Amino acid sequence: MVNDPDDGPPTIVGIEQWRNEYGLDNIYVAADTTVSMAVNGSIGTPTATIIDPRTMTVYSREPGSSGFTTAEELANMNKVQ
């Protein structure tokens, strides 16, 4: 989230409120206080943001609903041999 439900900076309380309002029990929601997940400086939806769980860094940002190929690519890279 880049803002809380009241259009202020994202907070844990705001994130929990938003998750509860939409029943997002099995989804992770993160606070992006520096808008680092924006693509080319703008926020458009949907945006596919792939985060590497091993480093917790943004691996890829793609506008639109694509990103499955990139996610599979990252999963293959992280696959335990």
Protein backbone atom coordinates (compact mmCIF):
# COMPACT_ATOMS: atom_id res chain seq x y z
CA MET A 1 0.00 0.00 0.00
CA VAL A 2 1.23 3.49 -0.77
CA ASN A 3 -1.33 5.16 1.49
CA ASP A 4 -3.66 4.20 4.29
CA PRO A 5 -7.47 4.18 3.99
CA ASP A 6 -7.53 7.89 4.97
CA ASP A 7 -5.02 8.84 2.20
CA GLY A 8 -2.17 9.34 4.67
CA PRO A 9 1.11 7.43 4.73
CA PRO A 10 0.66 3.65 5.08
CA THR A 11 0.60 2.29 8.61
CA ILE A 12 0.23 -1.17 10.10
CA VAL A 13 -3.18 -0.17 11.49
CA GLY A 14 -4.30 1.05 8.05
CA ILE A 15 -3.04 -2.14 6.40
CA GLU A 16 -4.90 -4.31 8.90
CA GLN A 17 -8.06 -2.23 8.41
CA TRP A 18 -7.84 -2.61 4.63
CA ARG A 19 -7.15 -6.36 4.79
CA ASN A 20 -10.09 -6.87 7.15
CA GLU A 21 -12.44 -4.73 5.05
CA TYR A 22 -11.78 -6.81 1.94
CA GLY A 23 -11.38 -10.19 3.68
CA LEU A 24 -7.80 -10.67 2.53
CA ASP A 25 -6.91 -13.35 5.04
CA ASN A 26 -4.45 -15.28 2.85
CA ILE A 27 -2.70 -12.33 1.19
CA TYR A 28 0.37 -10.38 2.26
CA VAL A 29 0.08 -6.61 2.19
CA ALA A 30 3.12 -4.35 2.55
CA ALA A 31 3.59 -0.66 3.29
CA ASP A 32 5.46 1.08 0.47
CA THR A 33 6.26 4.41 2.14
CA THR A 34 8.68 5.48 -0.61
CA VAL A 35 6.42 4.37 -3.51
CA SER A 36 9.27 2.12 -4.67
CA MET A 37 6.84 -0.27 -6.36
CA ALA A 38 5.62 2.36 -8.82
CA VAL A 39 6.55 1.70 -12.45
CA ASN A 40 8.25 4.63 -14.22
CA GLY A 41 7.22 6.99 -11.43
CA SER A 42 3.48 6.39 -11.76
CA ILE A 43 1.08 4.12 -9.98
CA GLY A 44 -1.19 2.17 -12.26
CA THR A 45 -3.24 -0.88 -11.59
CA PRO A 46 -2.97 -3.64 -11.96
CA THR A 47 0.79 -3.83 -11.50
CA ALA A 48 2.64 -7.10 -11.07
CA THR A 49 5.37 -6.68 -8.47
CA ILE A 50 7.53 -9.76 -7.92
CA ILE A 51 9.46 -9.80 -4.63
CA ASP A 52 12.32 -12.25 -4.12
CA PRO A 53 11.48 -13.98 -0.83
CA ARG A 54 15.13 -14.87 -0.23
CA THR A 55 16.34 -11.26 -0.31
CA MET A 56 13.02 -9.41 0.25
CA THR A 57 13.90 -7.11 -2.65
CA VAL A 58 11.80 -6.16 -5.65
CA TYR A 59 12.82 -8.53 -8.46
CA SER A 60 10.52 -7.15 -11.15
CA ARG A 61 7.79 -4.54 -11.67
CA GLU A 62 5.51 -4.81 -14.67
CA PRO A 63 2.39 -2.77 -15.48
CA GLY A 64 -0.66 -4.82 -16.37
CA SER A 65 -1.66 -8.25 -15.23
CA SER A 66 1.39 -10.04 -16.62
CA GLY A 67 4.28 -11.24 -14.53
CA PHE A 68 3.66 -14.98 -14.36
CA THR A 69 6.65 -15.73 -16.58
CA THR A 70 8.84 -13.53 -14.38
CA ALA A 71 7.55 -15.25 -11.23
CA GLU A 72 8.32 -18.67 -12.69
CA GLU A 73 11.78 -17.42 -13.69
CA LEU A 74 12.48 -16.28 -10.10
CA ALA A 75 11.09 -19.53 -8.66
CA ASN A 76 13.40 -21.53 -10.92
CA MET A 77 16.38 -19.43 -9.85
CA ASN A 78 15.54 -20.01 -6.17
CA LYS A 79 14.81 -23.72 -6.58
CA VAL A 80 16.73 -25.83 -4.10
CA GLN A 81 19.01 -28.21 -5.98
